[in-house]
Protein backbone atom coordinates (compact mmCIF):
# COMPACT_ATOMS: atom_id res chain seq x y z
CA MET A 1 -30.28 47.60 41.59
CA SER A 2 -27.21 48.04 43.77
CA ARG A 3 -29.42 48.81 46.75
CA LEU A 4 -31.40 45.63 46.09
CA ARG A 5 -28.19 43.57 45.97
CA LEU A 6 -27.00 45.17 49.18
CA THR A 7 -30.32 44.52 50.94
CA LEU A 8 -30.58 40.91 49.79
CA GLY A 9 -26.94 40.20 50.56
CA LEU A 10 -27.14 41.77 53.99
CA GLY A 11 -30.37 39.90 54.75
CA LEU A 12 -28.97 36.50 53.77
CA THR A 13 -25.70 37.11 55.59
CA LEU A 14 -27.44 38.22 58.79
CA LEU A 15 -29.75 35.20 58.55
CA MET A 16 -26.81 32.80 58.39
CA LEU A 17 -25.05 34.66 61.19
CA ALA A 18 -28.22 34.56 63.31
CA VAL A 19 -28.49 30.79 62.80
CA ALA A 20 -24.90 30.30 63.95
CA ALA A 21 -25.44 32.56 66.97
CA LEU A 22 -28.71 30.86 67.90
CA SER A 23 -27.10 27.41 67.75
CA LEU A 24 -24.71 28.46 70.53
CA PHE A 25 -27.66 28.54 72.93
CA TRP A 26 -30.44 26.45 71.38
CA THR A 27 -31.08 23.75 68.80
CA PRO A 28 -34.30 21.72 68.29
CA HIS A 29 -32.51 18.59 69.51
CA PRO A 30 -29.03 17.82 70.87
CA PRO A 31 -26.94 17.76 67.66
CA ASP A 32 -24.89 14.71 68.68
CA ALA A 33 -27.70 12.69 70.26
CA ILE A 34 -27.90 9.27 68.54
CA ASP A 35 -31.28 7.56 68.17
CA MET A 36 -31.10 4.54 65.88
CA SER A 37 -34.88 4.20 65.95
CA GLN A 38 -34.96 7.42 63.88
CA ARG A 39 -32.26 6.35 61.42
CA LEU A 40 -32.81 8.07 58.06
CA ALA A 41 -36.24 9.28 59.19
CA GLY A 42 -37.79 11.74 56.76
CA PRO A 43 -38.90 15.28 57.54
CA SER A 44 -41.63 15.46 60.15
CA ALA A 45 -43.11 17.78 62.75
CA THR A 46 -40.49 16.54 65.21
CA HIS A 47 -37.51 16.52 62.86
CA TRP A 48 -38.07 19.20 60.22
CA LEU A 49 -35.19 18.06 58.00
CA GLY A 50 -35.24 14.42 59.04
CA CYS A 51 -32.44 12.44 60.69
CA ASP A 52 -29.12 11.11 59.45
CA GLN A 53 -27.79 7.56 59.40
CA LEU A 54 -27.24 7.66 63.17
CA GLY A 55 -30.62 9.14 63.98
CA ARG A 56 -29.23 12.60 64.72
CA ASP A 57 -31.47 15.59 63.97
CA GLN A 58 -30.33 17.12 60.67
CA LEU A 59 -31.61 20.63 61.38
CA SER A 60 -29.71 20.77 64.67
CA ARG A 61 -26.50 19.62 63.02
CA LEU A 62 -27.02 22.08 60.18
CA MET A 63 -27.39 24.93 62.68
CA VAL A 64 -24.28 23.88 64.61
CA GLY A 65 -22.37 23.49 61.33
CA ALA A 66 -22.83 27.20 60.69
CA GLN A 67 -20.51 27.87 63.61
CA SER A 68 -17.61 26.19 61.83
CA VAL A 69 -18.28 28.16 58.66
CA TRP A 70 -18.26 31.52 60.40
CA LEU A 71 -15.33 30.67 62.66
CA VAL A 72 -13.14 29.56 59.77
CA GLY A 73 -14.26 32.50 57.63
CA LEU A 74 -13.58 35.13 60.29
CA VAL A 75 -10.18 33.75 61.31
CA ALA A 76 -9.01 33.00 57.76
CA VAL A 77 -10.13 36.34 56.32
CA GLY A 78 -8.69 38.14 59.33
CA LEU A 79 -5.34 36.42 58.78
CA GLY A 80 -5.37 37.23 55.08
CA LEU A 81 -6.51 40.81 55.67
CA VAL A 82 -3.87 41.66 58.26
CA GLY A 83 -1.01 39.85 56.56
CA GLY A 84 -1.87 41.00 53.04
CA THR A 85 -2.49 44.61 54.05
CA VAL A 86 0.82 44.88 55.87
CA LEU A 87 2.75 43.36 52.97
CA GLY A 88 0.95 45.51 50.39
CA LEU A 89 1.53 48.72 52.32
CA VAL A 90 5.20 47.90 52.92
CA ALA A 91 5.71 47.18 49.22
CA ALA A 92 4.03 50.44 48.18
CA ALA A 93 5.96 52.52 50.71
CA CYS A 94 9.42 51.03 50.14
CA ARG A 95 9.32 50.24 46.41
CA GLY A 96 12.55 48.95 44.85
CA TRP A 97 13.80 45.50 45.76
CA VAL A 98 11.47 45.25 48.76
CA GLU A 99 8.42 45.56 46.53
CA THR A 100 9.89 43.11 44.04
CA VAL A 101 10.53 40.46 46.71
CA ILE A 102 7.04 40.85 48.20
CA LEU A 103 5.27 40.69 44.85
CA ARG A 104 7.29 37.68 43.70
CA ALA A 105 6.43 35.95 46.98
CA CYS A 106 2.76 36.72 46.28
CA ASP A 107 3.11 35.19 42.82
CA LEU A 108 4.54 32.09 44.45
CA GLY A 109 1.61 32.04 46.88
CA PHE A 110 -0.89 32.11 44.01
CA ALA A 111 0.68 28.89 42.73
CA PHE A 112 -0.43 27.00 45.86
CA PRO A 113 -4.22 26.75 46.23
CA ALA A 114 -5.82 26.44 49.66
CA LEU A 115 -6.46 22.73 49.08
CA LEU A 116 -2.81 22.00 48.40
CA LEU A 117 -1.71 24.03 51.43
CA ALA A 118 -4.22 22.15 53.57
CA ILE A 119 -2.93 18.79 52.32
CA VAL A 120 0.68 19.76 53.11
CA LEU A 121 -0.22 21.11 56.55
CA ALA A 122 -2.46 18.12 57.31
CA ALA A 123 0.36 15.75 56.36
CA ALA A 124 2.68 17.54 58.77
CA LEU A 125 0.32 18.40 61.63
CA GLY A 126 -2.82 16.34 61.08
CA PRO A 127 -6.20 17.46 59.70
CA GLY A 128 -8.50 19.75 61.65
CA LEU A 129 -10.34 23.04 61.74
CA VAL A 130 -7.21 24.99 62.67
CA ILE A 131 -5.39 23.60 59.63
CA ALA A 132 -8.30 24.73 57.42
CA MET A 133 -8.17 28.24 58.92
CA VAL A 134 -4.42 28.57 58.38
CA ALA A 135 -4.51 27.18 54.84
CA ILE A 136 -7.39 29.43 53.73
CA GLY A 137 -5.88 32.44 55.48
CA LEU A 138 -2.44 31.97 53.92
CA HIS A 139 -4.05 31.57 50.51
CA ALA A 140 -5.88 34.90 50.98
CA VAL A 141 -2.72 36.87 51.87
CA PRO A 142 -1.42 37.31 48.27
CA SER A 143 -4.84 38.52 47.07
CA PHE A 144 -4.99 41.22 49.73
CA ALA A 145 -1.32 42.14 49.25
CA ARG A 146 -1.62 42.59 45.49
CA LEU A 147 -4.82 44.62 45.79
CA VAL A 148 -3.50 46.86 48.57
CA ASN A 149 -0.19 47.40 46.83
CA GLY A 150 -1.78 48.52 43.56
CA SER A 151 -4.26 50.84 45.25
CA ALA A 152 -1.73 52.25 47.72
CA LYS A 153 0.69 53.15 44.93
CA SER A 154 -2.04 55.18 43.23
CA TRP A 155 -2.58 57.11 46.46
CA TRP A 156 1.16 57.70 46.89
CA SER A 157 1.08 59.70 43.66
CA ARG A 158 -1.63 62.07 44.93
CA ASP A 159 -0.82 65.73 45.65
CA PHE A 160 -1.75 65.63 49.33
CA VAL A 161 0.61 62.69 49.91
CA GLN A 162 3.41 64.46 48.06
CA ALA A 163 2.75 67.52 50.22
CA ALA A 164 3.07 65.38 53.33
CA ARG A 165 6.43 64.10 52.09
CA VAL A 166 7.63 67.66 51.45
CA ALA A 167 6.51 68.54 54.98
CA GLY A 168 8.94 65.94 56.29
CA LEU A 169 6.64 63.07 57.21
CA GLY A 170 8.22 59.63 56.92
CA PRO A 171 6.78 56.81 54.78
CA TRP A 172 5.26 54.95 57.74
CA ARG A 173 3.59 58.06 59.12
CA ILE A 174 2.20 58.88 55.66
CA THR A 175 0.99 55.31 55.25
CA GLN A 176 -0.76 55.36 58.61
CA ALA A 177 -2.28 58.83 58.37
CA HIS A 178 -3.02 59.27 54.67
CA VAL A 179 -2.87 56.01 52.69
CA LEU A 180 -4.40 53.34 54.92
CA PRO A 181 -7.62 55.30 55.70
CA GLN A 182 -8.27 55.67 51.97
CA LEU A 183 -8.10 51.88 51.54
CA THR A 184 -10.76 51.07 54.13
CA PRO A 185 -13.71 50.78 51.66
CA LEU A 186 -11.60 48.60 49.37
CA LEU A 187 -10.62 46.31 52.23
CA ILE A 188 -14.23 45.96 53.39
CA VAL A 189 -15.37 44.87 49.93
CA GLN A 190 -12.42 42.54 49.42
CA GLY A 191 -12.90 41.04 52.86
CA THR A 192 -16.54 40.27 52.09
CA THR A 193 -15.60 38.63 48.79
CA GLN A 194 -12.84 36.60 50.42
CA PHE A 195 -15.28 35.49 53.10
CA ALA A 196 -17.47 33.92 50.42
CA LEU A 197 -14.44 32.11 49.02
CA ALA A 198 -13.52 30.99 52.54
CA VAL A 199 -16.99 29.47 53.02
CA LEU A 200 -16.55 27.44 49.83
CA ALA A 201 -12.99 26.47 50.74
CA GLU A 202 -14.00 25.36 54.26
CA ALA A 203 -16.84 23.28 52.87
CA GLY A 204 -14.52 21.68 50.32
CA LEU A 205 -11.81 20.90 52.87
CA SER A 206 -14.32 19.44 55.33
CA TYR A 207 -15.87 17.39 52.53
CA LEU A 208 -12.44 15.89 51.82
CA GLY A 209 -11.80 15.24 55.50
CA LEU A 210 -9.17 17.97 55.92
CA GLY A 211 -11.35 20.41 57.86
CA ALA A 212 -13.78 19.80 60.70
CA GLN A 213 -13.38 16.33 62.18
CA PRO A 214 -16.14 14.12 63.66
CA PRO A 215 -18.13 14.60 65.80
CA LEU A 216 -17.87 18.32 64.99
CA ALA A 217 -20.56 19.30 62.48
CA SER A 218 -19.71 21.23 59.33
CA TRP A 219 -21.70 21.80 56.16
CA GLY A 220 -19.01 20.19 54.04
CA ARG A 221 -18.81 17.27 56.44
CA LEU A 222 -22.60 16.83 56.29
CA LEU A 223 -22.37 16.66 52.50
CA ALA A 224 -19.64 14.03 52.68
CA GLU A 225 -21.66 11.89 55.09
CA ALA A 226 -24.79 12.16 52.89
CA GLN A 227 -23.20 11.43 49.50
CA THR A 228 -23.97 7.70 49.66
CA LEU A 229 -27.56 8.29 50.82
CA MET A 230 -28.87 10.42 47.96
CA PHE A 231 -31.57 7.92 47.00
CA GLU A 232 -32.53 6.95 50.56
CA ALA A 233 -32.54 10.39 52.17
CA PRO A 234 -31.83 13.16 49.63
CA GLN A 235 -32.66 15.90 52.15
CA LEU A 236 -29.45 15.10 54.02
CA ALA A 237 -27.41 16.39 51.07
CA ILE A 238 -29.84 19.04 49.84
CA ALA A 239 -30.02 20.93 53.14
CA PRO A 240 -26.26 21.63 53.60
CA GLY A 241 -25.93 22.28 49.85
CA VAL A 242 -28.65 24.93 50.02
CA ALA A 243 -27.06 26.42 53.15
CA ILE A 244 -23.67 26.75 51.43
CA THR A 245 -25.31 28.26 48.35
CA LEU A 246 -27.27 30.83 50.34
CA ALA A 247 -24.24 31.80 52.42
CA VAL A 248 -22.01 32.31 49.37
CA LEU A 249 -24.77 34.09 47.43
CA GLY A 250 -25.47 36.42 50.35
CA LEU A 251 -21.81 37.32 50.82
CA ASN A 252 -21.26 37.90 47.10
CA LEU A 253 -24.35 40.11 46.86
CA LEU A 254 -23.24 41.96 49.98
CA GLY A 255 -19.79 42.51 48.49
CA ASP A 256 -21.23 43.82 45.21
CA GLY A 257 -23.65 46.07 47.05
CA LEU A 258 -20.95 47.45 49.33
CA ARG A 259 -18.67 48.11 46.36
CA ASP A 260 -21.37 50.12 44.59
CA TRP A 261 -22.34 51.95 47.78
CA LEU A 262 -18.84 52.78 49.01
CA ASP A 263 -17.36 53.52 45.59
CA PRO A 264 -20.14 54.10 43.04
CA LYS A 265 -17.76 55.49 40.39
CA GLY A 266 -15.29 52.64 40.72
CA GLU A 267 -12.54 55.11 41.58
CA PRO A 268 -10.62 55.89 44.75
CA ARG A 269 -12.02 58.85 46.61
């Protein structure tokens, strides 16, 4: 069952990634080309998913929108991964008041969802894709920090780490050589899970106008533009909704499959 989840998740994820990569070089039609004669045209041999209210090809815009999803996901998860891992490792290595301050800061971070952070940042700097990346990334930092801290502390109690301390190795050398490598599988799984959350968060922020700005295409933005056209052209909302669903489903299945494959007993190795 775990192998099936891994295969399906990897297949869906690679499919979405391939669509984003393909759209860098080719789309069926120019994604921003306006043709009012094709306004709200239904699916056809020329326009497989029909056209939007400006006569733009929906399939082309859907393909280009995948770029925003992957860009935001990679940058946001990368920011959360690096920042959270550093904070978690520092807290586990130093303990005492340093750990207390870091963990309390993480608790404070959990109190501010990505949407609220995006609203605050947008009010100060203006909405945009960069704001969405920063907001989602900052929101992911406490999750990574808490997870890394708890797992790293369990490794610090292991005999081989204690032996390294007796041998005279400092906490940073032990962290780099003995603790961090043991956390790699955990970080891979957590990164995949956070990526799925980032896809949802990016879609939600773009839907509310805090993410990708026109004329840049985004799945959440496509949903927002189609919400008043559900009865006239339902495919305009169905297509990006299905794309978001498949992307999140694929990443969640991939994360579950990787967790079972990398750590089948649910224990640190």
